[in-house]
PDB file of N, CA and C in Angstrom:
ATOM      1  N   MET A   1      46.834-105.968 -47.001  1.00  0.00           N
ATOM      2  CA  MET A   1      46.498-107.396 -47.359  1.00  0.00           C
ATOM      3  C   MET A   1      45.842-108.191 -46.390  1.00  0.00           C
ATOM      4  N   LYS A   2      45.018-108.807 -47.090  1.00  0.00           N
ATOM      5  CA  LYS A   2      44.068-109.815 -46.111  1.00  0.00           C
ATOM      6  C   LYS A   2      44.814-110.980 -45.740  1.00  0.00           C
ATOM      7  N   GLY A   3      44.482-111.468 -44.466  1.00  0.00           N
ATOM      8  CA  GLY A   3      45.031-112.674 -43.739  1.00  0.00           C
ATOM      9  C   GLY A   3      46.498-112.523 -43.254  1.00  0.00           C
ATOM     10  N   THR A   4      46.883-113.446 -42.922  1.00  0.00           N
ATOM     11  CA  THR A   4      48.294-113.549 -42.174  1.00  0.00           C
ATOM     12  C   THR A   4      49.202-114.436 -43.273  1.00  0.00           C
ATOM     13  N   ASP A   5      50.253-113.921 -43.479  1.00  0.00           N
ATOM     14  CA  ASP A   5      51.188-114.655 -44.257  1.00  0.00           C
ATOM     15  C   ASP A   5      52.438-115.038 -43.474  1.00  0.00           C
ATOM     16  N   TYR A   6      52.173-116.534 -43.097  1.00  0.00           N
ATOM     17  CA  TYR A   6      52.798-117.160 -41.978  1.00  0.00           C
ATOM     18  C   TYR A   6      54.339-117.366 -42.353  1.00  0.00           C
ATOM     19  N   LEU A   7      54.717-117.528 -43.728  1.00  0.00           N
ATOM     20  CA  LEU A   7      56.185-117.635 -44.130  1.00  0.00           C
ATOM     21  C   LEU A   7      56.683-116.248 -43.781  1.00  0.00           C
ATOM     22  N   ALA A   8      56.171-115.125 -44.391  1.00  0.00           N
ATOM     23  CA  ALA A   8      56.770-113.924 -44.051  1.00  0.00           C
ATOM     24  C   ALA A   8      56.967-113.618 -42.571  1.00  0.00           C
ATOM     25  N   GLU A   9      55.947-113.895 -41.730  1.00  0.00           N
ATOM     26  CA  GLU A   9      56.012-113.766 -40.186  1.00  0.00           C
ATOM     27  C   GLU A   9      57.207-114.625 -39.738  1.00  0.00           C
ATOM     28  N   ALA A  10      57.380-116.021 -40.204  1.00  0.00           N
ATOM     29  CA  ALA A  10      58.376-116.912 -39.679  1.00  0.00           C
ATOM     30  C   ALA A  10      59.747-116.347 -40.026  1.00  0.00           C
ATOM     31  N   LEU A  11      59.894-115.548 -41.453  1.00  0.00           N
ATOM     32  CA  LEU A  11      61.105-114.922 -41.834  1.00  0.00           C
ATOM     33  C   LEU A  11      61.440-113.631 -41.083  1.00  0.00           C
ATOM     34  N   GLY A  12      60.416-113.087 -40.417  1.00  0.00           N
ATOM     35  CA  GLY A  12      60.767-111.877 -39.767  1.00  0.00           C
ATOM     36  C   GLY A  12      60.637-110.582 -40.701  1.00  0.00           C
ATOM     37  N   ILE A  13      59.818-110.887 -41.701  1.00  0.00           N
ATOM     38  CA  ILE A  13      59.647-109.633 -42.605  1.00  0.00           C
ATOM     39  C   ILE A  13      58.625-108.705 -41.996  1.00  0.00           C
ATOM     40  N   LYS A  14      58.760-107.378 -42.226  1.00  0.00           N
ATOM     41  CA  LYS A  14      58.072-106.426 -41.701  1.00  0.00           C
ATOM     42  C   LYS A  14      57.691-105.318 -42.552  1.00  0.00           C
ATOM     43  N   VAL A  15      56.493-104.786 -42.822  1.00  0.00           N
ATOM     44  CA  VAL A  15      55.974-103.912 -43.721  1.00  0.00           C
ATOM     45  C   VAL A  15      56.320-102.492 -43.091  1.00  0.00           C
ATOM     46  N   LEU A  16      56.951-101.786 -43.790  1.00  0.00           N
ATOM     47  CA  LEU A  16      57.565-100.439 -43.386  1.00  0.00           C
ATOM     48  C   LEU A  16      56.259 -99.337 -43.985  1.00  0.00           C
ATOM     49  N   GLU A  17      55.932 -99.630 -44.965  1.00  0.00           N
ATOM     50  CA  GLU A  17      54.956 -98.526 -45.691  1.00  0.00           C
ATOM     51  C   GLU A  17      54.123 -99.382 -46.831  1.00  0.00           C
ATOM     52  N   ALA A  18      52.838 -99.073 -46.892  1.00  0.00           N
ATOM     53  CA  ALA A  18      52.115 -99.673 -47.932  1.00  0.00           C
ATOM     54  C   ALA A  18      50.952 -98.745 -48.221  1.00  0.00           C
ATOM     55  N   LYS A  19      50.789 -98.663 -49.621  1.00  0.00           N
ATOM     56  CA  LYS A  19      49.764 -97.951 -50.296  1.00  0.00           C
ATOM     57  C   LYS A  19      49.239 -98.668 -51.451  1.00  0.00           C
ATOM     58  N   ASP A  20      48.211 -98.331 -52.028  1.00  0.00           N
ATOM     59  CA  ASP A  20      47.891 -98.959 -53.501  1.00  0.00           C
ATOM     60  C   ASP A  20      48.968 -98.788 -54.570  1.00  0.00           C
ATOM     61  N   GLY A  21      49.528 -99.752 -55.048  1.00  0.00           N
ATOM     62  CA  GLY A  21      50.641-100.173 -55.912  1.00  0.00           C
ATOM     63  C   GLY A  21      52.053 -99.691 -55.387  1.00  0.00           C
ATOM     64  N   TYR A  22      52.182 -99.783 -54.083  1.00  0.00           N
ATOM     65  CA  TYR A  22      53.445 -99.559 -53.334  1.00  0.00           C
ATOM     66  C   TYR A  22      53.427-100.182 -52.223  1.00  0.00           C
ATOM     67  N   CYS A  23      54.900-100.823 -51.917  1.00  0.00           N
ATOM     68  CA  CYS A  23      55.102-101.400 -50.453  1.00  0.00           C
ATOM     69  C   CYS A  23      56.654-101.384 -50.437  1.00  0.00           C
ATOM     70  N   LYS A  24      56.975-101.051 -49.087  1.00  0.00           N
ATOM     71  CA  LYS A  24      58.286-101.006 -48.655  1.00  0.00           C
ATOM     72  C   LYS A  24      58.308-102.026 -47.320  1.00  0.00           C
ATOM     73  N   ALA A  25      59.255-103.087 -47.490  1.00  0.00           N
ATOM     74  CA  ALA A  25      59.084-104.102 -46.420  1.00  0.00           C
ATOM     75  C   ALA A  25      60.612-104.338 -45.908  1.00  0.00           C
ATOM     76  N   SER A  26      60.937-104.993 -44.962  1.00  0.00           N
ATOM     77  CA  SER A  26      62.331-105.129 -44.493  1.00  0.00           C
ATOM     78  C   SER A  26      62.437-106.292 -43.980  1.00  0.00           C
ATOM     79  N   MET A  27      63.824-106.805 -43.805  1.00  0.00           N
ATOM     80  CA  MET A  27      64.046-108.093 -43.078  1.00  0.00           C
ATOM     81  C   MET A  27      65.379-108.076 -42.704  1.00  0.00           C
ATOM     82  N   LYS A  28      65.601-108.371 -41.345  1.00  0.00           N
ATOM     83  CA  LYS A  28      66.914-108.379 -40.721  1.00  0.00           C
ATOM     84  C   LYS A  28      67.511-109.887 -41.060  1.00  0.00           C
ATOM     85  N   VAL A  29      68.697-109.986 -41.800  1.00  0.00           N
ATOM     86  CA  VAL A  29      69.278-111.515 -42.080  1.00  0.00           C
ATOM     87  C   VAL A  29      69.563-111.960 -40.727  1.00  0.00           C
ATOM     88  N   GLU A  30      69.299-113.171 -40.644  1.00  0.00           N
ATOM     89  CA  GLU A  30      69.611-113.948 -39.406  1.00  0.00           C
ATOM     90  C   GLU A  30      70.290-115.278 -40.058  1.00  0.00           C
ATOM     91  N   LYS A  31      70.784-115.988 -39.057  1.00  0.00           N
ATOM     92  CA  LYS A  31      71.376-117.393 -39.328  1.00  0.00           C
ATOM     93  C   LYS A  31      70.523-118.190 -40.335  1.00  0.00           C
ATOM     94  N   ILE A  32      69.282-118.153 -39.915  1.00  0.00           N
ATOM     95  CA  ILE A  32      68.432-119.185 -40.656  1.00  0.00           C
ATOM     96  C   ILE A  32      68.029-118.509 -42.086  1.00  0.00           C
ATOM     97  N   HIS A  33      68.372-117.484 -42.342  1.00  0.00           N
ATOM     98  CA  HIS A  33      68.341-116.858 -43.821  1.00  0.00           C
ATOM     99  C   HIS A  33      69.537-117.165 -44.641  1.00  0.00           C
ATOM    100  N   THR A  34      70.596-117.805 -44.095  1.00  0.00           N
ATOM    101  CA  THR A  34      72.000-118.024 -44.932  1.00  0.00           C
ATOM    102  C   THR A  34      71.885-119.379 -45.479  1.00  0.00           C
ATOM    103  N   ASN A  35      72.723-119.500 -46.642  1.00  0.00           N
ATOM    104  CA  ASN A  35      73.160-120.762 -47.206  1.00  0.00           C
ATOM    105  C   ASN A  35      74.255-121.235 -46.678  1.00  0.00           C
ATOM    106  N   ALA A  36      74.939-122.277 -47.280  1.00  0.00           N
ATOM    107  CA  ALA A  36      76.029-123.122 -46.831  1.00  0.00           C
ATOM    108  C   ALA A  36      77.199-122.223 -47.005  1.00  0.00           C
ATOM    109  N   LEU A  37      77.073-121.215 -47.845  1.00  0.00           N
ATOM    110  CA  LEU A  37      78.346-120.269 -47.987  1.00  0.00           C
ATOM    111  C   LEU A  37      78.449-119.137 -47.008  1.00  0.00           C
ATOM    112  N   GLY A  38      77.445-119.170 -46.218  1.00  0.00           N
ATOM    113  CA  GLY A  38      77.484-117.887 -45.464  1.00  0.00           C
ATOM    114  C   GLY A  38      76.638-116.658 -45.842  1.00  0.00           C
ATOM    115  N   PHE A  39      76.163-116.536 -47.143  1.00  0.00           N
ATOM    116  CA  PHE A  39      75.425-115.655 -47.836  1.00  0.00           C
ATOM    117  C   PHE A  39      73.992-115.772 -47.581  1.00  0.00           C
ATOM    118  N   THR A  40      73.236-114.598 -47.844  1.00  0.00           N
ATOM    119  CA  THR A  40      71.897-114.687 -47.575  1.00  0.00           C
ATOM    120  C   THR A  40      71.199-115.735 -48.751  1.00  0.00           C
ATOM    121  N   HIS A  41      70.491-116.572 -48.416  1.00  0.00           N
ATOM    122  CA  HIS A  41      69.927-117.586 -49.346  1.00  0.00           C
ATOM    123  C   HIS A  41      69.068-116.865 -50.348  1.00  0.00           C
ATOM    124  N   GLY A  42      69.227-117.114 -51.686  1.00  0.00           N
ATOM    125  CA  GLY A  42      68.218-116.669 -52.725  1.00  0.00           C
ATOM    126  C   GLY A  42      66.861-116.698 -52.328  1.00  0.00           C
ATOM    127  N   GLY A  43      66.349-117.834 -51.817  1.00  0.00           N
ATOM    128  CA  GLY A  43      65.077-117.876 -51.451  1.00  0.00           C
ATOM    129  C   GLY A  43      64.505-116.917 -50.323  1.00  0.00           C
ATOM    130  N   ALA A  44      65.430-116.644 -49.397  1.00  0.00           N
ATOM    131  CA  ALA A  44      64.914-115.477 -48.522  1.00  0.00           C
ATOM    132  C   ALA A  44      64.896-114.403 -49.101  1.00  0.00           C
ATOM    133  N   ILE A  45      65.764-113.868 -49.937  1.00  0.00           N
ATOM    134  CA  ILE A  45      65.894-112.529 -50.698  1.00  0.00           C
ATOM    135  C   ILE A  45      64.453-112.587 -51.615  1.00  0.00           C
ATOM    136  N   PHE A  46      64.034-113.650 -52.156  1.00  0.00           N
ATOM    137  CA  PHE A  46      63.094-113.803 -53.154  1.00  0.00           C
ATOM    138  C   PHE A  46      61.887-113.592 -52.312  1.00  0.00           C
ATOM    139  N   SER A  47      61.633-114.245 -51.379  1.00  0.00           N
ATOM    140  CA  SER A  47      60.523-114.096 -50.334  1.00  0.00           C
ATOM    141  C   SER A  47      60.242-112.504 -49.866  1.00  0.00           C
ATOM    142  N   LEU A  48      61.437-111.941 -49.594  1.00  0.00           N
ATOM    143  CA  LEU A  48      61.150-110.604 -49.160  1.00  0.00           C
ATOM    144  C   LEU A  48      60.552-109.835 -50.289  1.00  0.00           C
ATOM    145  N   ALA A  49      61.076-109.996 -51.579  1.00  0.00           N
ATOM    146  CA  ALA A  49      60.692-109.220 -52.599  1.00  0.00           C
ATOM    147  C   ALA A  49      59.166-109.531 -52.969  1.00  0.00           C
ATOM    148  N   ASP A  50      58.905-110.798 -53.071  1.00  0.00           N
ATOM    149  CA  ASP A  50      57.712-111.425 -53.523  1.00  0.00           C
ATOM    150  C   ASP A  50      56.560-110.909 -52.414  1.00  0.00           C
ATOM    151  N   TYR A  51      56.970-110.802 -51.148  1.00  0.00           N
ATOM    152  CA  TYR A  51      55.970-110.306 -50.117  1.00  0.00           C
ATOM    153  C   TYR A  51      55.770-108.746 -50.313  1.00  0.00           C
ATOM    154  N   ALA A  52      56.741-107.878 -50.700  1.00  0.00           N
ATOM    155  CA  ALA A  52      56.547-106.570 -51.070  1.00  0.00           C
ATOM    156  C   ALA A  52      55.652-106.427 -52.158  1.00  0.00           C
ATOM    157  N   PHE A  53      55.839-107.144 -53.143  1.00  0.00           N
ATOM    158  CA  PHE A  53      55.139-107.280 -54.497  1.00  0.00           C
ATOM    159  C   PHE A  53      53.553-107.663 -54.024  1.00  0.00           C
ATOM    160  N   ALA A  54      53.485-108.561 -53.401  1.00  0.00           N
ATOM    161  CA  ALA A  54      52.007-108.909 -52.835  1.00  0.00           C
ATOM    162  C   ALA A  54      51.191-108.035 -52.145  1.00  0.00           C
ATOM    163  N   HIS A  55      52.013-107.279 -51.339  1.00  0.00           N
ATOM    164  CA  HIS A  55      51.341-106.124 -50.689  1.00  0.00           C
ATOM    165  C   HIS A  55      51.007-105.051 -51.468  1.00  0.00           C
ATOM    166  N   ALA A  56      52.040-104.572 -52.409  1.00  0.00           N
ATOM    167  CA  ALA A  56      51.633-103.537 -53.418  1.00  0.00           C
ATOM    168  C   ALA A  56      50.389-103.969 -54.339  1.00  0.00           C
ATOM    169  N   CYS A  57      50.283-105.079 -54.604  1.00  0.00           N
ATOM    170  CA  CYS A  57      49.237-105.740 -55.571  1.00  0.00           C
ATOM    171  C   CYS A  57      47.764-105.693 -54.773  1.00  0.00           C
ATOM    172  N   ASN A  58      47.743-106.198 -53.685  1.00  0.00           N
ATOM    173  CA  ASN A  58      46.482-106.532 -52.735  1.00  0.00           C
ATOM    174  C   ASN A  58      46.137-105.549 -51.734  1.00  0.00           C
ATOM    175  N   TYR A  59      46.605-104.331 -51.969  1.00  0.00           N
ATOM    176  CA  TYR A  59      46.228-103.157 -50.957  1.00  0.00           C
ATOM    177  C   TYR A  59      44.861-102.844 -51.096  1.00  0.00           C
ATOM    178  N   GLY A  60      44.345-102.607 -49.896  1.00  0.00           N
ATOM    179  CA  GLY A  60      42.860-102.277 -49.653  1.00  0.00           C
ATOM    180  C   GLY A  60      41.859-103.503 -50.011  1.00  0.00           C
ATOM    181  N   ASP A  61      41.065-103.181 -50.985  1.00  0.00           N
ATOM    182  CA  ASP A  61      40.042-104.438 -51.498  1.00  0.00           C
ATOM    183  C   ASP A  61      40.658-105.075 -52.884  1.00  0.00           C
ATOM    184  N   ASN A  62      41.862-104.767 -53.277  1.00  0.00           N
ATOM    185  CA  ASN A  62      42.506-105.300 -54.449  1.00  0.00           C
ATOM    186  C   ASN A  62      42.546-106.831 -54.123  1.00  0.00           C
ATOM    187  N   VAL A  63      42.554-107.649 -55.321  1.00  0.00           N
ATOM    188  CA  VAL A  63      42.886-109.007 -55.227  1.00  0.00           C
ATOM    189  C   VAL A  63      43.592-109.479 -56.468  1.00  0.00           C
ATOM    190  N   ALA A  64      44.939-109.930 -56.133  1.00  0.00           N
ATOM    191  CA  ALA A  64      45.754-110.065 -57.442  1.00  0.00           C
ATOM    192  C   ALA A  64      46.634-111.508 -56.885  1.00  0.00           C
ATOM    193  N   VAL A  65      46.890-112.045 -58.097  1.00  0.00           N
ATOM    194  CA  VAL A  65      47.943-113.314 -57.745  1.00  0.00           C
ATOM    195  C   VAL A  65      48.869-113.191 -58.878  1.00  0.00           C
ATOM    196  N   ALA A  66      50.401-113.584 -58.475  1.00  0.00           N
ATOM    197  CA  ALA A  66      51.250-113.617 -59.756  1.00  0.00           C
ATOM    198  C   ALA A  66      51.032-114.508 -60.449  1.00  0.00           C
ATOM    199  N   VAL A  67      51.460-114.193 -61.795  1.00  0.00           N
ATOM    200  CA  VAL A  67      51.399-115.140 -62.943  1.00  0.00           C
ATOM    201  C   VAL A  67      52.801-115.192 -63.440  1.00  0.00           C
ATOM    202  N   GLN A  68      53.664-114.339 -63.207  1.00  0.00           N
ATOM    203  CA  GLN A  68      55.036-114.461 -63.634  1.00  0.00           C
ATOM    204  C   GLN A  68      55.998-113.689 -63.014  1.00  0.00           C
ATOM    205  N   VAL A  69      57.047-113.994 -62.363  1.00  0.00           N
ATOM    206  CA  VAL A  69      57.855-113.363 -61.618  1.00  0.00           C
ATOM    207  C   VAL A  69      59.535-113.767 -62.163  1.00  0.00           C
ATOM    208  N   ASN A  70      60.334-112.793 -61.936  1.00  0.00           N
ATOM    209  CA  ASN A  70      61.621-112.950 -62.181  1.00  0.00           C
ATOM    210  C   ASN A  70      62.576-112.141 -61.271  1.00  0.00           C
ATOM    211  N   ILE A  71      63.737-112.628 -60.842  1.00  0.00           N
ATOM    212  CA  ILE A  71      64.462-111.941 -60.026  1.00  0.00           C
ATOM    213  C   ILE A  71      66.095-112.165 -60.541  1.00  0.00           C
ATOM    214  N   ASN A  72      66.799-111.203 -60.328  1.00  0.00           N
ATOM    215  CA  ASN A  72      68.027-111.226 -60.735  1.00  0.00           C
ATOM    216  C   ASN A  72      68.909-110.706 -59.373  1.00  0.00           C
ATOM    217  N   TYR A  73      69.849-111.583 -58.846  1.00  0.00           N
ATOM    218  CA  TYR A  73      70.760-111.428 -57.759  1.00  0.00           C
ATOM    219  C   TYR A  73      71.997-110.586 -58.098  1.00  0.00           C
ATOM    220  N   LEU A  74      72.207-109.478 -57.643  1.00  0.00           N
ATOM    221  CA  LEU A  74      73.389-108.651 -58.274  1.00  0.00           C
ATOM    222  C   LEU A  74      74.512-108.595 -57.059  1.00  0.00           C
ATOM    223  N   LYS A  75      74.330-108.414 -55.872  1.00  0.00           N
ATOM    224  CA  LYS A  75      75.387-108.545 -54.733  1.00  0.00           C
ATOM    225  C   LYS A  75      75.015-109.477 -53.677  1.00  0.00           C
ATOM    226  N   PRO A  76      75.733-109.841 -53.047  1.00  0.00           N
ATOM    227  CA  PRO A  76      75.682-110.668 -51.683  1.00  0.00           C
ATOM    228  C   PRO A  76      75.198-110.002 -50.599  1.00  0.00           C
ATOM    229  N   SER A  77      74.775-110.476 -49.688  1.00  0.00           N
ATOM    230  CA  SER A  77      74.638-110.121 -48.347  1.00  0.00           C
ATOM    231  C   SER A  77      74.793-111.148 -47.220  1.00  0.00           C
ATOM    232  N   VAL A  78      74.917-110.725 -46.050  1.00  0.00           N
ATOM    233  CA  VAL A  78      75.247-111.732 -45.135  1.00  0.00           C
ATOM    234  C   VAL A  78      74.652-111.470 -43.676  1.00  0.00           C
ATOM    235  N   GLU A  79      74.632-112.390 -42.709  1.00  0.00           N
ATOM    236  CA  GLU A  79      73.933-112.254 -41.363  1.00  0.00           C
ATOM    237  C   GLU A  79      74.346-110.915 -40.991  1.00  0.00           C
ATOM    238  N   GLY A  80      73.256-110.390 -40.317  1.00  0.00           N
ATOM    239  CA  GLY A  80      73.522-109.047 -39.624  1.00  0.00           C
ATOM    240  C   GLY A  80      72.887-107.917 -40.469  1.00  0.00           C
ATOM    241  N   ASP A  81      72.942-108.107 -41.737  1.00  0.00           N
ATOM    242  CA  ASP A  81      72.510-107.005 -42.857  1.00  0.00           C
ATOM    243  C   ASP A  81      70.962-106.809 -42.537  1.00  0.00           C
ATOM    244  N   THR A  82      70.503-105.762 -42.918  1.00  0.00           N
ATOM    245  CA  THR A  82      68.934-105.640 -42.901  1.00  0.00           C
ATOM    246  C   THR A  82      68.628-105.131 -44.503  1.00  0.00           C
ATOM    247  N   LEU A  83      67.709-106.001 -44.961  1.00  0.00           N
ATOM    248  CA  LEU A  83      67.329-105.849 -46.375  1.00  0.00           C
ATOM    249  C   LEU A  83      66.264-105.035 -46.511  1.00  0.00           C
ATOM    250  N   THR A  84      66.014-104.100 -47.327  1.00  0.00           N
ATOM    251  CA  THR A  84      64.728-103.317 -47.755  1.00  0.00           C
ATOM    252  C   THR A  84      64.308-103.721 -49.124  1.00  0.00           C
ATOM    253  N   ALA A  85      63.025-103.975 -49.201  1.00  0.00           N
ATOM    254  CA  ALA A  85      62.318-104.233 -50.344  1.00  0.00           C
ATOM    255  C   ALA A  85      61.508-103.222 -50.931  1.00  0.00           C
ATOM    256  N   GLU A  86      61.643-102.454 -51.996  1.00  0.00           N
ATOM    257  CA  GLU A  86      60.560-101.504 -52.483  1.00  0.00           C
ATOM    258  C   GLU A  86      59.950-101.941 -53.665  1.00  0.00           C
ATOM    259  N   ALA A  87      58.554-102.105 -53.609  1.00  0.00           N
ATOM    260  CA  ALA A  87      57.781-102.468 -54.595  1.00  0.00           C
ATOM    261  C   ALA A  87      56.967-101.458 -55.319  1.00  0.00           C
ATOM    262  N   VAL A  88      57.118-101.093 -56.609  1.00  0.00           N
ATOM    263  CA  VAL A  88      56.365-100.012 -57.185  1.00  0.00           C
ATOM    264  C   VAL A  88      55.570-100.521 -58.468  1.00  0.00           C
ATOM    265  N   ARG A  89      54.337-100.099 -58.617  1.00  0.00           N
ATOM    266  CA  ARG A  89      53.698-100.496 -59.959  1.00  0.00           C
ATOM    267  C   ARG A  89      54.147 -99.725 -61.017  1.00  0.00           C
ATOM    268  N   VAL A  90      54.495-100.356 -62.092  1.00  0.00           N
ATOM    269  CA  VAL A  90      54.894 -99.574 -63.208  1.00  0.00           C
ATOM    270  C   VAL A  90      53.796 -99.289 -64.366  1.00  0.00           C
ATOM    271  N   ASN A  91      53.015-100.511 -64.137  1.00  0.00           N
ATOM    272  CA  ASN A  91      51.806-100.666 -65.184  1.00  0.00           C
ATOM    273  C   ASN A  91      50.423-101.054 -64.745  1.00  0.00           C
ATOM    274  N   ASP A  92      49.442-100.543 -64.974  1.00  0.00           N
ATOM    275  CA  ASP A  92      47.984-101.010 -64.401  1.00  0.00           C
ATOM    276  C   ASP A  92      47.062-101.095 -65.411  1.00  0.00           C
ATOM    277  N   GLY A  93      47.120-102.358 -65.923  1.00  0.00           N
ATOM    278  CA  GLY A  93      46.168-102.609 -66.953  1.00  0.00           C
ATOM    279  C   GLY A  93      44.654-103.118 -66.414  1.00  0.00           C
ATOM    280  N   LYS A  94      43.885-103.387 -67.340  1.00  0.00           N
ATOM    281  CA  LYS A  94      42.614-103.880 -66.852  1.00  0.00           C
ATOM    282  C   LYS A  94      42.665-105.128 -66.102  1.00  0.00           C
ATOM    283  N   THR A  95      43.536-106.057 -66.643  1.00  0.00           N
ATOM    284  CA  THR A  95      43.439-107.374 -66.079  1.00  0.00           C
ATOM    285  C   THR A  95      44.816-107.828 -65.158  1.00  0.00           C
ATOM    286  N   THR A  96      46.076-106.993 -65.655  1.00  0.00           N
ATOM    287  CA  THR A  96      47.076-107.383 -65.045  1.00  0.00           C
ATOM    288  C   THR A  96      47.775-105.992 -64.759  1.00  0.00           C
ATOM    289  N   GLY A  97      48.688-106.190 -63.675  1.00  0.00           N
ATOM    290  CA  GLY A  97      49.627-105.071 -63.159  1.00  0.00           C
ATOM    291  C   GLY A  97      51.158-105.516 -63.333  1.00  0.00           C
ATOM    292  N   LEU A  98      51.900-104.748 -63.667  1.00  0.00           N
ATOM    293  CA  LEU A  98      53.422-104.940 -63.552  1.00  0.00           C
ATOM    294  C   LEU A  98      54.190-104.087 -62.464  1.00  0.00           C
ATOM    295  N   TYR A  99      54.898-104.891 -61.605  1.00  0.00           N
ATOM    296  CA  TYR A  99      55.497-104.147 -60.599  1.00  0.00           C
ATOM    297  C   TYR A  99      57.037-104.775 -60.585  1.00  0.00           C
ATOM    298  N   HIS A 100      57.679-103.567 -60.143  1.00  0.00           N
ATOM    299  CA  HIS A 100      59.183-103.799 -60.216  1.00  0.00           C
ATOM    300  C   HIS A 100      59.602-103.601 -58.634  1.00  0.00           C
ATOM    301  N   VAL A 101      60.385-104.508 -58.148  1.00  0.00           N
ATOM    302  CA  VAL A 101      60.820-104.654 -56.621  1.00  0.00           C
ATOM    303  C   VAL A 101      62.282-104.461 -56.789  1.00  0.00           C
ATOM    304  N   THR A 102      62.830-103.534 -56.028  1.00  0.00           N
ATOM    305  CA  THR A 102      64.369-103.248 -55.785  1.00  0.00           C
ATOM    306  C   THR A 102      64.729-103.620 -54.389  1.00  0.00           C
ATOM    307  N   VAL A 103      65.507-104.639 -54.260  1.00  0.00           N
ATOM    308  CA  VAL A 103      65.903-105.074 -52.777  1.00  0.00           C
ATOM    309  C   VAL A 103      67.374-104.344 -52.566  1.00  0.00           C
ATOM    310  N   ARG A 104      67.365-103.824 -51.436  1.00  0.00           N
ATOM    311  CA  ARG A 104      68.615-102.763 -51.015  1.00  0.00           C
ATOM    312  C   ARG A 104      69.250-103.369 -49.886  1.00  0.00           C
ATOM    313  N   LYS A 105      70.539-103.200 -49.610  1.00  0.00           N
ATOM    314  CA  LYS A 105      71.383-103.459 -48.499  1.00  0.00           C
ATOM    315  C   LYS A 105      71.917-102.046 -48.193  1.00  0.00           C
ATOM    316  N   ASN A 106      71.484-101.270 -47.227  1.00  0.00           N
ATOM    317  CA  ASN A 106      71.786 -99.739 -47.361  1.00  0.00           C
ATOM    318  C   ASN A 106      71.497 -99.142 -48.617  1.00  0.00           C
ATOM    319  N   ASP A 107      72.293 -98.363 -49.189  1.00  0.00           N
ATOM    320  CA  ASP A 107      71.974 -97.636 -50.609  1.00  0.00           C
ATOM    321  C   ASP A 107      72.696 -98.732 -51.795  1.00  0.00           C
ATOM    322  N   LYS A 108      73.145 -99.859 -51.398  1.00  0.00           N
ATOM    323  CA  LYS A 108      73.444-100.722 -52.579  1.00  0.00           C
ATOM    324  C   LYS A 108      72.198-101.712 -53.022  1.00  0.00           C
ATOM    325  N   ILE A 109      72.099-101.712 -54.249  1.00  0.00           N
ATOM    326  CA  ILE A 109      70.837-102.675 -54.810  1.00  0.00           C
ATOM    327  C   ILE A 109      71.522-104.176 -54.817  1.00  0.00           C
ATOM    328  N   ILE A 110      70.908-105.162 -54.122  1.00  0.00           N
ATOM    329  CA  ILE A 110      71.457-106.562 -54.148  1.00  0.00           C
ATOM    330  C   ILE A 110      70.731-107.363 -55.161  1.00  0.00           C
ATOM    331  N   ALA A 111      69.462-106.990 -55.404  1.00  0.00           N
ATOM    332  CA  ALA A 111      68.590-107.939 -56.119  1.00  0.00           C
ATOM    333  C   ALA A 111      67.500-107.007 -56.775  1.00  0.00           C
ATOM    334  N   PHE A 112      66.945-107.357 -58.061  1.00  0.00           N
ATOM    335  CA  PHE A 112      65.897-106.883 -58.811  1.00  0.00           C
ATOM    336  C   PHE A 112      64.753-107.803 -59.263  1.00  0.00           C
ATOM    337  N   PHE A 113      63.524-107.521 -58.855  1.00  0.00           N
ATOM    338  CA  PHE A 113      62.667-108.502 -58.858  1.00  0.00           C
ATOM    339  C   PHE A 113      61.502-107.841 -59.916  1.00  0.00           C
ATOM    340  N   SER A 114      60.868-108.305 -60.864  1.00  0.00           N
ATOM    341  CA  SER A 114      59.882-107.977 -61.595  1.00  0.00           C
ATOM    342  C   SER A 114      58.775-109.011 -61.683  1.00  0.00           C
ATOM    343  N   GLY A 115      57.516-108.617 -61.321  1.00  0.00           N
ATOM    344  CA  GLY A 115      56.280-109.458 -61.288  1.00  0.00           C
ATOM    345  C   GLY A 115      55.069-108.870 -61.969  1.00  0.00           C
ATOM    346  N   LEU A 116      54.561-109.804 -62.722  1.00  0.00           N
ATOM    347  CA  LEU A 116      53.353-109.671 -63.416  1.00  0.00           C
ATOM    348  C   LEU A 116      52.172-110.139 -62.470  1.00  0.00           C
ATOM    349  N   ALA A 117      51.101-109.510 -62.157  1.00  0.00           N
ATOM    350  CA  ALA A 117      49.958-109.647 -61.273  1.00  0.00           C
ATOM    351  C   ALA A 117      48.614-109.937 -62.299  1.00  0.00           C
ATOM    352  N   PHE A 118      47.858-110.831 -62.056  1.00  0.00           N
ATOM    353  CA  PHE A 118      46.612-110.986 -62.534  1.00  0.00           C
ATOM    354  C   PHE A 118      45.627-110.410 -61.615  1.00  0.00           C
ATOM    355  N   LYS A 119      44.788-109.636 -62.044  1.00  0.00           N
ATOM    356  CA  LYS A 119      43.853-108.959 -60.952  1.00  0.00           C
ATOM    357  C   LYS A 119      42.570-109.665 -61.286  1.00  0.00           C
ATOM    358  N   LYS A 120      41.942-109.968 -59.885  1.00  0.00           N
ATOM    359  CA  LYS A 120      40.662-110.778 -59.865  1.00  0.00           C
ATOM    360  C   LYS A 120      39.554-109.777 -59.988  1.00  0.00           C
TER     361      LYS A 120
END
């Protein structure tokens, strides 16, 4: 992916693997990632999933932007957990691409994100 994503950097998100149409990224949940109830903030989980989505869409010379995304939160996580987001392209059309991102804590799925990207 081109350039620096300052939000991902500030959140401590790291890319573990990336290739065309695929990305695996992780984030260790710290106090700054938690909400008032002590769970991982939905915005932090969303940002991790969105970053993996962006990397899968924009690998190499590809340029794409999100036009619609959706996330479902399935299980909570807390400070100290390491979350992993795995983005996979499921459809590659002429002008759009559909991606699914699964966010896991160990082997448990905690969130499912779906994103539609417009390819420039």
